[in-house]
Structures are given as structure tokens and as C-alpha cells.
Amino acid sequence: LSCAASGSVFSILGWYRQAPGKERELVATMTLLTTTKYADSVKGRFTI
């Protein structure tokens, strides 16, 4: 997946997901300083 951002500088960019009937949840985020955070369910499989 790709996300092209415009109109500002973003300290944090990330991905969330929402399955049918479920709440939106964090998948992965990355700061400008490249600090990352992943949901446990995607660790080792997804890379931001």
C-alpha cells in the first residue's frame, strides 16, 4: 500500500484498518525520526 500525503508536513504517518462490524484499529505507524509501532497481529509480516 502507498499513501501520498500533501499540504503539510506530518510528524506521524501510519496505517489503520477497519473490518466489517469491527472498530478501526492501528496497524502500523512511523514518525519522522523513523520510530515505528506495529499491532501485535501484524508484527513480522508487515513493514511500514
ModelCIF file with pLDDT and N, C-alpha, C, O atoms, coordinates in Angstrom:
data_MODEL
#
_entry.id   MODEL 
#
_entity.id                         1 
_entity.type                       polymer 
_entity.pdbx_number_of_molecules   1 
#
_entity_poly.entity_id                      1 
_entity_poly.type                           'polypeptide(L)' 
_entity_poly.nstd_linkage                   no 
_entity_poly.nstd_monomer                   no 
_entity_poly.pdbx_seq_one_letter_code       LSCAASGSVFSILGWYRQAPGKERELVATMTLLTTTKYADSVKGRFTI 
_entity_poly.pdbx_seq_one_letter_code_can   LSCAASGSVFSILGWYRQAPGKERELVATMTLLTTTKYADSVKGRFTI 
_entity_poly.pdbx_strand_id                 A 
#
loop_
_entity_poly_seq.entity_id 
_entity_poly_seq.num 
_entity_poly_seq.mon_id 
_entity_poly_seq.hetero 
1 1  LEU n 
1 2  SER n 
1 3  CYS n 
1 4  ALA n 
1 5  ALA n 
1 6  SER n 
1 7  GLY n 
1 8  SER n 
1 9  VAL n 
1 10 PHE n 
1 11 SER n 
1 12 ILE n 
1 13 LEU n 
1 14 GLY n 
1 15 TRP n 
1 16 TYR n 
1 17 ARG n 
1 18 GLN n 
1 19 ALA n 
1 20 PRO n 
1 21 GLY n 
1 22 LYS n 
1 23 GLU n 
1 24 ARG n 
1 25 GLU n 
1 26 LEU n 
1 27 VAL n 
1 28 ALA n 
1 29 THR n 
1 30 MET n 
1 31 THR n 
1 32 LEU n 
1 33 LEU n 
1 34 THR n 
1 35 THR n 
1 36 THR n 
1 37 LYS n 
1 38 TYR n 
1 39 ALA n 
1 40 ASP n 
1 41 SER n 
1 42 VAL n 
1 43 LYS n 
1 44 GLY n 
1 45 ARG n 
1 46 PHE n 
1 47 THR n 
1 48 ILE n 
#
_struct_asym.id          A 
_struct_asym.entity_id   1 
#
loop_
_ma_qa_metric.id 
_ma_qa_metric.mode 
_ma_qa_metric.name 
_ma_qa_metric.software_group_id 
_ma_qa_metric.type 
1 global pLDDT . pLDDT 
2 local  pLDDT . pLDDT 
#
_ma_qa_metric_global.metric_id      1 
_ma_qa_metric_global.metric_value   95.96 
_ma_qa_metric_global.model_id       1 
_ma_qa_metric_global.ordinal_id     1 
#
loop_
_ma_qa_metric_local.label_asym_id 
_ma_qa_metric_local.label_comp_id 
_ma_qa_metric_local.label_seq_id 
_ma_qa_metric_local.metric_id 
_ma_qa_metric_local.metric_value 
_ma_qa_metric_local.model_id 
_ma_qa_metric_local.ordinal_id 
A LEU 1  2 98.00 1 1  
A SER 2  2 98.00 1 2  
A CYS 3  2 97.00 1 3  
A ALA 4  2 97.00 1 4  
A ALA 5  2 95.00 1 5  
A SER 6  2 94.00 1 6  
A GLY 7  2 93.00 1 7  
A SER 8  2 91.00 1 8  
A VAL 9  2 90.00 1 9  
A PHE 10 2 93.00 1 10 
A SER 11 2 93.00 1 11 
A ILE 12 2 95.00 1 12 
A LEU 13 2 96.00 1 13 
A GLY 14 2 97.00 1 14 
A TRP 15 2 98.00 1 15 
A TYR 16 2 98.00 1 16 
A ARG 17 2 98.00 1 17 
A GLN 18 2 98.00 1 18 
A ALA 19 2 97.00 1 19 
A PRO 20 2 92.00 1 20 
A GLY 21 2 95.00 1 21 
A LYS 22 2 96.00 1 22 
A GLU 23 2 97.00 1 23 
A ARG 24 2 98.00 1 24 
A GLU 25 2 98.00 1 25 
A LEU 26 2 98.00 1 26 
A VAL 27 2 98.00 1 27 
A ALA 28 2 98.00 1 28 
A THR 29 2 97.00 1 29 
A MET 30 2 96.00 1 30 
A THR 31 2 93.00 1 31 
A LEU 32 2 89.00 1 32 
A LEU 33 2 89.00 1 33 
A THR 34 2 91.00 1 34 
A THR 35 2 95.00 1 35 
A THR 36 2 97.00 1 36 
A LYS 37 2 97.00 1 37 
A TYR 38 2 98.00 1 38 
A ALA 39 2 98.00 1 39 
A ASP 40 2 98.00 1 40 
A SER 41 2 97.00 1 41 
A VAL 42 2 98.00 1 42 
A LYS 43 2 98.00 1 43 
A GLY 44 2 97.00 1 44 
A ARG 45 2 98.00 1 45 
A PHE 46 2 98.00 1 46 
A THR 47 2 98.00 1 47 
A ILE 48 2 98.00 1 48 
#
loop_
_atom_site.group_PDB 
_atom_site.id 
_atom_site.type_symbol 
_atom_site.label_atom_id 
_atom_site.label_alt_id 
_atom_site.label_comp_id 
_atom_site.label_asym_id 
_atom_site.label_entity_id 
_atom_site.label_seq_id 
_atom_site.pdbx_PDB_ins_code 
_atom_site.Cartn_x 
_atom_site.Cartn_y 
_atom_site.Cartn_z 
_atom_site.occupancy 
_atom_site.B_iso_or_equiv 
_atom_site.pdbx_formal_charge 
_atom_site.auth_seq_id 
_atom_site.auth_comp_id 
_atom_site.auth_asym_id 
_atom_site.auth_atom_id 
_atom_site.pdbx_PDB_model_num 
ATOM 1   N N  . LEU A 1 1  ? 0.840   -1.189  0.000  1.00 98.00 ? 1  LEU A N  1 
ATOM 2   C CA . LEU A 1 1  ? 0.000   0.000   0.000  1.00 98.00 ? 1  LEU A CA 1 
ATOM 3   C C  . LEU A 1 1  ? 0.880   1.245   0.000  1.00 98.00 ? 1  LEU A C  1 
ATOM 4   O O  . LEU A 1 1  ? 1.971   1.253   0.570  1.00 98.00 ? 1  LEU A O  1 
ATOM 5   N N  . SER A 1 2  ? 0.389   2.284   -0.644 1.00 98.00 ? 2  SER A N  1 
ATOM 6   C CA . SER A 1 2  ? 1.069   3.572   -0.656 1.00 98.00 ? 2  SER A CA 1 
ATOM 7   C C  . SER A 1 2  ? 0.093   4.661   -0.237 1.00 98.00 ? 2  SER A C  1 
ATOM 8   O O  . SER A 1 2  ? -1.105  4.578   -0.507 1.00 98.00 ? 2  SER A O  1 
ATOM 9   N N  . CYS A 1 3  ? 0.618   5.674   0.420  1.00 97.00 ? 3  CYS A N  1 
ATOM 10  C CA . CYS A 1 3  ? -0.194  6.822   0.810  1.00 97.00 ? 3  CYS A CA 1 
ATOM 11  C C  . CYS A 1 3  ? 0.611   8.075   0.512  1.00 97.00 ? 3  CYS A C  1 
ATOM 12  O O  . CYS A 1 3  ? 1.642   8.336   1.132  1.00 97.00 ? 3  CYS A O  1 
ATOM 13  N N  . ALA A 1 4  ? 0.117   8.846   -0.452 1.00 97.00 ? 4  ALA A N  1 
ATOM 14  C CA . ALA A 1 4  ? 0.769   10.095  -0.811 1.00 97.00 ? 4  ALA A CA 1 
ATOM 15  C C  . ALA A 1 4  ? 0.116   11.226  -0.032 1.00 97.00 ? 4  ALA A C  1 
ATOM 16  O O  . ALA A 1 4  ? -1.077  11.494  -0.180 1.00 97.00 ? 4  ALA A O  1 
ATOM 17  N N  . ALA A 1 5  ? 0.916   11.883  0.798  1.00 95.00 ? 5  ALA A N  1 
ATOM 18  C CA . ALA A 1 5  ? 0.415   12.976  1.623  1.00 95.00 ? 5  ALA A CA 1 
ATOM 19  C C  . ALA A 1 5  ? 0.831   14.312  1.012  1.00 95.00 ? 5  ALA A C  1 
ATOM 20  O O  . ALA A 1 5  ? 1.909   14.428  0.428  1.00 95.00 ? 5  ALA A O  1 
ATOM 21  N N  . SER A 1 6  ? -0.022  15.305  1.149  1.00 94.00 ? 6  SER A N  1 
ATOM 22  C CA . SER A 1 6  ? 0.290   16.632  0.621  1.00 94.00 ? 6  SER A CA 1 
ATOM 23  C C  . SER A 1 6  ? -0.375  17.695  1.473  1.00 94.00 ? 6  SER A C  1 
ATOM 24  O O  . SER A 1 6  ? -1.333  17.424  2.197  1.00 94.00 ? 6  SER A O  1 
ATOM 25  N N  . GLY A 1 7  ? 0.143   18.903  1.376  1.00 93.00 ? 7  GLY A N  1 
ATOM 26  C CA . GLY A 1 7  ? -0.461  20.032  2.060  1.00 93.00 ? 7  GLY A CA 1 
ATOM 27  C C  . GLY A 1 7  ? 0.092   20.318  3.438  1.00 93.00 ? 7  GLY A C  1 
ATOM 28  O O  . GLY A 1 7  ? -0.275  21.326  4.042  1.00 93.00 ? 7  GLY A O  1 
ATOM 29  N N  . SER A 1 8  ? 0.963   19.466  3.961  1.00 91.00 ? 8  SER A N  1 
ATOM 30  C CA . SER A 1 8  ? 1.542   19.692  5.271  1.00 91.00 ? 8  SER A CA 1 
ATOM 31  C C  . SER A 1 8  ? 2.724   18.743  5.461  1.00 91.00 ? 8  SER A C  1 
ATOM 32  O O  . SER A 1 8  ? 2.962   17.836  4.664  1.00 91.00 ? 8  SER A O  1 
ATOM 33  N N  . VAL A 1 9  ? 3.452   18.990  6.549  1.00 90.00 ? 9  VAL A N  1 
ATOM 34  C CA . VAL A 1 9  ? 4.480   18.044  6.970  1.00 90.00 ? 9  VAL A CA 1 
ATOM 35  C C  . VAL A 1 9  ? 3.900   17.254  8.127  1.00 90.00 ? 9  VAL A C  1 
ATOM 36  O O  . VAL A 1 9  ? 3.298   17.820  9.039  1.00 90.00 ? 9  VAL A O  1 
ATOM 37  N N  . PHE A 1 10 ? 4.083   15.951  8.084  1.00 93.00 ? 10 PHE A N  1 
ATOM 38  C CA . PHE A 1 10 ? 3.454   15.072  9.064  1.00 93.00 ? 10 PHE A CA 1 
ATOM 39  C C  . PHE A 1 10 ? 4.481   14.477  9.999  1.00 93.00 ? 10 PHE A C  1 
ATOM 40  O O  . PHE A 1 10 ? 5.438   13.838  9.562  1.00 93.00 ? 10 PHE A O  1 
ATOM 41  N N  . SER A 1 11 ? 4.278   14.687  11.290 1.00 93.00 ? 11 SER A N  1 
ATOM 42  C CA . SER A 1 11 ? 5.188   14.102  12.269 1.00 93.00 ? 11 SER A CA 1 
ATOM 43  C C  . SER A 1 11 ? 4.997   12.591  12.330 1.00 93.00 ? 11 SER A C  1 
ATOM 44  O O  . SER A 1 11 ? 5.953   11.843  12.535 1.00 93.00 ? 11 SER A O  1 
ATOM 45  N N  . ILE A 1 12 ? 3.781   12.158  12.155 1.00 95.00 ? 12 ILE A N  1 
ATOM 46  C CA . ILE A 1 12 ? 3.474   10.727  12.186 1.00 95.00 ? 12 ILE A CA 1 
ATOM 47  C C  . ILE A 1 12 ? 2.621   10.390  10.968 1.00 95.00 ? 12 ILE A C  1 
ATOM 48  O O  . ILE A 1 12 ? 1.644   11.079  10.673 1.00 95.00 ? 12 ILE A O  1 
ATOM 49  N N  . LEU A 1 13 ? 2.990   9.347   10.280 1.00 96.00 ? 13 LEU A N  1 
ATOM 50  C CA . LEU A 1 13 ? 2.180   8.777   9.215  1.00 96.00 ? 13 LEU A CA 1 
ATOM 51  C C  . LEU A 1 13 ? 1.970   7.306   9.533  1.00 96.00 ? 13 LEU A C  1 
ATOM 52  O O  . LEU A 1 13 ? 2.874   6.624   10.016 1.00 96.00 ? 13 LEU A O  1 
ATOM 53  N N  . GLY A 1 14 ? 0.776   6.836   9.258  1.00 97.00 ? 14 GLY A N  1 
ATOM 54  C CA . GLY A 1 14 ? 0.542   5.449   9.597  1.00 97.00 ? 14 GLY A CA 1 
ATOM 55  C C  . GLY A 1 14 ? -0.661  4.857   8.901  1.00 97.00 ? 14 GLY A C  1 
ATOM 56  O O  . GLY A 1 14 ? -1.336  5.502   8.098  1.00 97.00 ? 14 GLY A O  1 
ATOM 57  N N  . TRP A 1 15 ? -0.903  3.606   9.240  1.00 98.00 ? 15 TRP A N  1 
ATOM 58  C CA . TRP A 1 15 ? -1.983  2.829   8.650  1.00 98.00 ? 15 TRP A CA 1 
ATOM 59  C C  . TRP A 1 15 ? -2.881  2.265   9.739  1.00 98.00 ? 15 TRP A C  1 
ATOM 60  O O  . TRP A 1 15 ? -2.415  1.761   10.761 1.00 98.00 ? 15 TRP A O  1 
ATOM 61  N N  . TYR A 1 16 ? -4.170  2.364   9.495  1.00 98.00 ? 16 TYR A N  1 
ATOM 62  C CA . TYR A 1 16 ? -5.192  1.765   10.329 1.00 98.00 ? 16 TYR A CA 1 
ATOM 63  C C  . TYR A 1 16 ? -6.078  0.926   9.418  1.00 98.00 ? 16 TYR A C  1 
ATOM 64  O O  . TYR A 1 16 ? -6.053  1.080   8.197  1.00 98.00 ? 16 TYR A O  1 
ATOM 65  N N  . ARG A 1 17 ? -6.859  0.036   10.024 1.00 98.00 ? 17 ARG A N  1 
ATOM 66  C CA . ARG A 1 17 ? -7.773  -0.767  9.215  1.00 98.00 ? 17 ARG A CA 1 
ATOM 67  C C  . ARG A 1 17 ? -9.078  -0.982  9.958  1.00 98.00 ? 17 ARG A C  1 
ATOM 68  O O  . ARG A 1 17 ? -9.146  -0.927  11.186 1.00 98.00 ? 17 ARG A O  1 
ATOM 69  N N  . GLN A 1 18 ? -10.109 -1.230  9.166  1.00 98.00 ? 18 GLN A N  1 
ATOM 70  C CA . GLN A 1 18 ? -11.419 -1.489  9.747  1.00 98.00 ? 18 GLN A CA 1 
ATOM 71  C C  . GLN A 1 18 ? -12.090 -2.602  8.970  1.00 98.00 ? 18 GLN A C  1 
ATOM 72  O O  . GLN A 1 18 ? -12.370 -2.474  7.778  1.00 98.00 ? 18 GLN A O  1 
ATOM 73  N N  . ALA A 1 19 ? -12.341 -3.688  9.663  1.00 97.00 ? 19 ALA A N  1 
ATOM 74  C CA . ALA A 1 19 ? -13.046 -4.822  9.079  1.00 97.00 ? 19 ALA A CA 1 
ATOM 75  C C  . ALA A 1 19 ? -14.540 -4.655  9.325  1.00 97.00 ? 19 ALA A C  1 
ATOM 76  O O  . ALA A 1 19 ? -14.931 -3.930  10.239 1.00 97.00 ? 19 ALA A O  1 
ATOM 77  N N  . PRO A 1 20 ? -15.381 -5.309  8.531  1.00 92.00 ? 20 PRO A N  1 
ATOM 78  C CA . PRO A 1 20 ? -16.835 -5.186  8.717  1.00 92.00 ? 20 PRO A CA 1 
ATOM 79  C C  . PRO A 1 20 ? -17.257 -5.559  10.121 1.00 92.00 ? 20 PRO A C  1 
ATOM 80  O O  . PRO A 1 20 ? -16.891 -6.621  10.626 1.00 92.00 ? 20 PRO A O  1 
ATOM 81  N N  . GLY A 1 21 ? -18.026 -4.687  10.752 1.00 95.00 ? 21 GLY A N  1 
ATOM 82  C CA . GLY A 1 21 ? -18.532 -4.958  12.085 1.00 95.00 ? 21 GLY A CA 1 
ATOM 83  C C  . GLY A 1 21 ? -17.537 -4.759  13.199 1.00 95.00 ? 21 GLY A C  1 
ATOM 84  O O  . GLY A 1 21 ? -17.832 -5.047  14.359 1.00 95.00 ? 21 GLY A O  1 
ATOM 85  N N  . LYS A 1 22 ? -16.354 -4.267  12.859 1.00 96.00 ? 22 LYS A N  1 
ATOM 86  C CA . LYS A 1 22 ? -15.319 -4.067  13.882 1.00 96.00 ? 22 LYS A CA 1 
ATOM 87  C C  . LYS A 1 22 ? -14.894 -2.605  13.929 1.00 96.00 ? 22 LYS A C  1 
ATOM 88  O O  . LYS A 1 22 ? -15.152 -1.836  13.003 1.00 96.00 ? 22 LYS A O  1 
ATOM 89  N N  . GLU A 1 23 ? -14.238 -2.238  15.029 1.00 97.00 ? 23 GLU A N  1 
ATOM 90  C CA . GLU A 1 23 ? -13.736 -0.888  15.167 1.00 97.00 ? 23 GLU A CA 1 
ATOM 91  C C  . GLU A 1 23 ? -12.447 -0.713  14.367 1.00 97.00 ? 23 GLU A C  1 
ATOM 92  O O  . GLU A 1 23 ? -11.729 -1.675  14.092 1.00 97.00 ? 23 GLU A O  1 
ATOM 93  N N  . ARG A 1 24 ? -12.178 0.524   14.008 1.00 98.00 ? 24 ARG A N  1 
ATOM 94  C CA . ARG A 1 24 ? -10.925 0.822   13.319 1.00 98.00 ? 24 ARG A CA 1 
ATOM 95  C C  . ARG A 1 24 ? -9.766  0.591   14.293 1.00 98.00 ? 24 ARG A C  1 
ATOM 96  O O  . ARG A 1 24 ? -9.837  0.975   15.461 1.00 98.00 ? 24 ARG A O  1 
ATOM 97  N N  . GLU A 1 25 ? -8.694  -0.045  13.791 1.00 98.00 ? 25 GLU A N  1 
ATOM 98  C CA . GLU A 1 25 ? -7.578  -0.375  14.660 1.00 98.00 ? 25 GLU A CA 1 
ATOM 99  C C  . GLU A 1 25 ? -6.259  0.041   14.017 1.00 98.00 ? 25 GLU A C  1 
ATOM 100 O O  . GLU A 1 25 ? -6.139  0.127   12.795 1.00 98.00 ? 25 GLU A O  1 
ATOM 101 N N  . LEU A 1 26 ? -5.281  0.295   14.872 1.00 98.00 ? 26 LEU A N  1 
ATOM 102 C CA . LEU A 1 26 ? -3.952  0.638   14.402 1.00 98.00 ? 26 LEU A CA 1 
ATOM 103 C C  . LEU A 1 26 ? -3.303  -0.583  13.767 1.00 98.00 ? 26 LEU A C  1 
ATOM 104 O O  . LEU A 1 26 ? -3.409  -1.697  14.280 1.00 98.00 ? 26 LEU A O  1 
ATOM 105 N N  . VAL A 1 27 ? -2.626  -0.355  12.640 1.00 98.00 ? 27 VAL A N  1 
ATOM 106 C CA . VAL A 1 27 ? -1.825  -1.404  12.007 1.00 98.00 ? 27 VAL A CA 1 
ATOM 107 C C  . VAL A 1 27 ? -0.339  -1.096  12.219 1.00 98.00 ? 27 VAL A C  1 
ATOM 108 O O  . VAL A 1 27 ? 0.403   -1.918  12.757 1.00 98.00 ? 27 VAL A O  1 
ATOM 109 N N  . ALA A 1 28 ? 0.080   0.087   11.793 1.00 98.00 ? 28 ALA A N  1 
ATOM 110 C CA . ALA A 1 28 ? 1.480   0.471   11.941 1.00 98.00 ? 28 ALA A CA 1 
ATOM 111 C C  . ALA A 1 28 ? 1.613   1.973   11.769 1.00 98.00 ? 28 ALA A C  1 
ATOM 112 O O  . ALA A 1 28 ? 0.879   2.587   10.995 1.00 98.00 ? 28 ALA A O  1 
ATOM 113 N N  . THR A 1 29 ? 2.560   2.562   12.501 1.00 97.00 ? 29 THR A N  1 
ATOM 114 C CA . THR A 1 29 ? 2.846   3.983   12.353 1.00 97.00 ? 29 THR A CA 1 
ATOM 115 C C  . THR A 1 29 ? 4.351   4.206   12.335 1.00 97.00 ? 29 THR A C  1 
ATOM 116 O O  . THR A 1 29 ? 5.129   3.385   12.820 1.00 97.00 ? 29 THR A O  1 
ATOM 117 N N  . MET A 1 30 ? 4.738   5.341   11.761 1.00 96.00 ? 30 MET A N  1 
ATOM 118 C CA . MET A 1 30 ? 6.143   5.701   11.731 1.00 96.00 ? 30 MET A CA 1 
ATOM 119 C C  . MET A 1 30 ? 6.269   7.208   11.909 1.00 96.00 ? 30 MET A C  1 
ATOM 120 O O  . MET A 1 30 ? 5.547   7.974   11.272 1.00 96.00 ? 30 MET A O  1 
ATOM 121 N N  . THR A 1 31 ? 7.191   7.636   12.779 1.00 93.00 ? 31 THR A N  1 
ATOM 122 C CA . THR A 1 31 ? 7.432   9.048   12.977 1.00 93.00 ? 31 THR A CA 1 
ATOM 123 C C  . THR A 1 31 ? 8.471   9.558   11.976 1.00 93.00 ? 31 THR A C  1 
ATOM 124 O O  . THR A 1 31 ? 9.076   8.788   11.231 1.00 93.00 ? 31 THR A O  1 
ATOM 125 N N  . LEU A 1 32 ? 8.656   10.876  11.985 1.00 89.00 ? 32 LEU A N  1 
ATOM 126 C CA . LEU A 1 32 ? 9.681   11.481  11.131 1.00 89.00 ? 32 LEU A CA 1 
ATOM 127 C C  . LEU A 1 32 ? 11.067  10.935  11.457 1.00 89.00 ? 32 LEU A C  1 
ATOM 128 O O  . LEU A 1 32 ? 11.930  10.833  10.586 1.00 89.00 ? 32 LEU A O  1 
ATOM 129 N N  . LEU A 1 33 ? 11.261  10.590  12.712 1.00 89.00 ? 33 LEU A N  1 
ATOM 130 C CA . LEU A 1 33 ? 12.539  10.045  13.149 1.00 89.00 ? 33 LEU A CA 1 
ATOM 131 C C  . LEU A 1 33 ? 12.607  8.532   12.984 1.00 89.00 ? 33 LEU A C  1 
ATOM 132 O O  . LEU A 1 33 ? 13.514  7.875   13.496 1.00 89.00 ? 33 LEU A O  1 
ATOM 133 N N  . THR A 1 34 ? 11.633  7.995   12.262 1.00 91.00 ? 34 THR A N  1 
ATOM 134 C CA . THR A 1 34 ? 11.534  6.575   11.886 1.00 91.00 ? 34 THR A CA 1 
ATOM 135 C C  . THR A 1 34 ? 11.273  5.635   13.042 1.00 91.00 ? 34 THR A C  1 
ATOM 136 O O  . THR A 1 34 ? 11.554  4.441   12.937 1.00 91.00 ? 34 THR A O  1 
ATOM 137 N N  . THR A 1 35 ? 10.750  6.135   14.131 1.00 95.00 ? 35 THR A N  1 
ATOM 138 C CA . THR A 1 35 ? 10.285  5.248   15.191 1.00 95.00 ? 35 THR A CA 1 
ATOM 139 C C  . THR A 1 35 ? 8.999   4.571   14.711 1.00 95.00 ? 35 THR A C  1 
ATOM 140 O O  . THR A 1 35 ? 8.080   5.232   14.228 1.00 95.00 ? 35 THR A O  1 
ATOM 141 N N  . THR A 1 36 ? 8.949   3.259   14.850 1.00 97.00 ? 36 THR A N  1 
ATOM 142 C CA . THR A 1 36 ? 7.790   2.529   14.360 1.00 97.00 ? 36 THR A CA 1 
ATOM 143 C C  . THR A 1 36 ? 6.999   1.894   15.506 1.00 97.00 ? 36 THR A C  1 
ATOM 144 O O  . THR A 1 36 ? 7.499   1.666   16.608 1.00 97.00 ? 36 THR A O  1 
ATOM 145 N N  . LYS A 1 37 ? 5.740   1.624   15.177 1.00 97.00 ? 37 LYS A N  1 
ATOM 146 C CA . LYS A 1 37 ? 4.850   0.932   16.104 1.00 97.00 ? 37 LYS A CA 1 
ATOM 147 C C  . LYS A 1 37 ? 3.990   0.016   15.268 1.00 97.00 ? 37 LYS A C  1 
ATOM 148 O O  . LYS A 1 37 ? 3.471   0.424   14.229 1.00 97.00 ? 37 LYS A O  1 
ATOM 149 N N  . TYR A 1 38 ? 3.830   -1.235  15.714 1.00 98.00 ? 38 TYR A N  1 
ATOM 150 C CA . TYR A 1 38 ? 3.037   -2.212  14.989 1.00 98.00 ? 38 TYR A CA 1 
ATOM 151 C C  . TYR A 1 38 ? 2.011   -2.865  15.904 1.00 98.00 ? 38 TYR A C  1 
ATOM 152 O O  . TYR A 1 38 ? 2.239   -3.032  17.102 1.00 98.00 ? 38 TYR A O  1 
ATOM 153 N N  . ALA A 1 39 ? 0.896   -3.225  15.326 1.00 98.00 ? 39 ALA A N  1 
ATOM 154 C CA . ALA A 1 39 ? -0.049  -4.084  16.028 1.00 98.00 ? 39 ALA A CA 1 
ATOM 155 C C  . ALA A 1 39 ? 0.575   -5.468  16.170 1.00 98.00 ? 39 ALA A C  1 
ATOM 156 O O  . ALA A 1 39 ? 1.290   -5.926  15.279 1.00 98.00 ? 39 ALA A O  1 
ATOM 157 N N  . ASP A 1 40 ? 0.306   -6.128  17.282 1.00 98.00 ? 40 ASP A N  1 
ATOM 158 C CA . ASP A 1 40 ? 0.882   -7.459  17.505 1.00 98.00 ? 40 ASP A CA 1 
ATOM 159 C C  . ASP A 1 40 ? 0.491   -8.424  16.393 1.00 98.00 ? 40 ASP A C  1 
ATOM 160 O O  . ASP A 1 40 ? 1.263   -9.315  16.037 1.00 98.00 ? 40 ASP A O  1 
ATOM 161 N N  . SER A 1 41 ? -0.696  -8.249  15.851 1.00 97.00 ? 41 SER A N  1 
ATOM 162 C CA . SER A 1 41 ? -1.207  -9.182  14.846 1.00 97.00 ? 41 SER A CA 1 
ATOM 163 C C  . SER A 1 41 ? -0.467  -9.111  13.513 1.00 97.00 ? 41 SER A C  1 
ATOM 164 O O  . SER A 1 41 ? -0.594  -10.015 12.687 1.00 97.00 ? 41 SER A O  1 
ATOM 165 N N  . VAL A 1 42 ? 0.305   -8.042  13.296 1.00 98.00 ? 42 VAL A N  1 
ATOM 166 C CA . VAL A 1 42 ? 0.994   -7.903  12.009 1.00 98.00 ? 42 VAL A CA 1 
ATOM 167 C C  . VAL A 1 42 ? 2.512   -7.929  12.153 1.00 98.00 ? 42 VAL A C  1 
ATOM 168 O O  . VAL A 1 42 ? 3.225   -7.924  11.149 1.00 98.00 ? 42 VAL A O  1 
ATOM 169 N N  . LYS A 1 43 ? 3.010   -7.957  13.372 1.00 98.00 ? 43 LYS A N  1 
ATOM 170 C CA . LYS A 1 43 ? 4.462   -7.965  13.569 1.00 98.00 ? 43 LYS A CA 1 
ATOM 171 C C  . LYS A 1 43 ? 5.098   -9.160  12.865 1.00 98.00 ? 43 LYS A C  1 
ATOM 172 O O  . LYS A 1 43 ? 4.617   -10.289 12.957 1.00 98.00 ? 43 LYS A O  1 
ATOM 173 N N  . GLY A 1 44 ? 6.187   -8.882  12.162 1.00 97.00 ? 44 GLY A N  1 
ATOM 174 C CA . GLY A 1 44 ? 6.882   -9.932  11.430 1.00 97.00 ? 44 GLY A CA 1 
ATOM 175 C C  . GLY A 1 44 ? 6.330   -10.180 10.045 1.00 97.00 ? 44 GLY A C  1 
ATOM 176 O O  . GLY A 1 44 ? 6.954   -10.881 9.249  1.00 97.00 ? 44 GLY A O  1 
ATOM 177 N N  . ARG A 1 45 ? 5.171   -9.617  9.740  1.00 98.00 ? 45 ARG A N  1 
ATOM 178 C CA . ARG A 1 45 ? 4.564   -9.815  8.416  1.00 98.00 ? 45 ARG A CA 1 
ATOM 179 C C  . ARG A 1 45 ? 4.458   -8.503  7.638  1.00 98.00 ? 45 ARG A C  1 
ATOM 180 O O  . ARG A 1 45 ? 4.622   -8.486  6.418  1.00 98.00 ? 45 ARG A O  1 
ATOM 181 N N  . PHE A 1 46 ? 4.186   -7.414  8.342  1.00 98.00 ? 46 PHE A N  1 
ATOM 182 C CA . PHE A 1 46 ? 4.013   -6.116  7.702  1.00 98.00 ? 46 PHE A CA 1 
ATOM 183 C C  . PHE A 1 46 ? 5.210   -5.222  8.023  1.00 98.00 ? 46 PHE A C  1 
ATOM 184 O O  . PHE A 1 46 ? 5.794   -5.307  9.103  1.00 98.00 ? 46 PHE A O  1 
ATOM 185 N N  . THR A 1 47 ? 5.560   -4.371  7.072  1.00 98.00 ? 47 THR A N  1 
ATOM 186 C CA . THR A 1 47 ? 6.645   -3.415  7.279  1.00 98.00 ? 47 THR A CA 1 
ATOM 187 C C  . THR A 1 47 ? 6.207   -2.041  6.792  1.00 98.00 ? 47 THR A C  1 
ATOM 188 O O  . THR A 1 47 ? 5.779   -1.882  5.648  1.00 98.00 ? 47 THR A O  1 
ATOM 189 N N  . ILE A 1 48 ? 6.318   -1.058  7.664  1.00 98.00 ? 48 ILE A N  1 
ATOM 190 C CA . ILE A 1 48 ? 5.990   0.311   7.289  1.00 98.00 ? 48 ILE A CA 1 
ATOM 191 C C  . ILE A 1 48 ? 7.281   1.046   6.954  1.00 98.00 ? 48 ILE A C  1 
ATOM 192 O O  . ILE A 1 48 ? 7.246   2.227   6.608  1.00 98.00 ? 48 ILE A O  1 
#
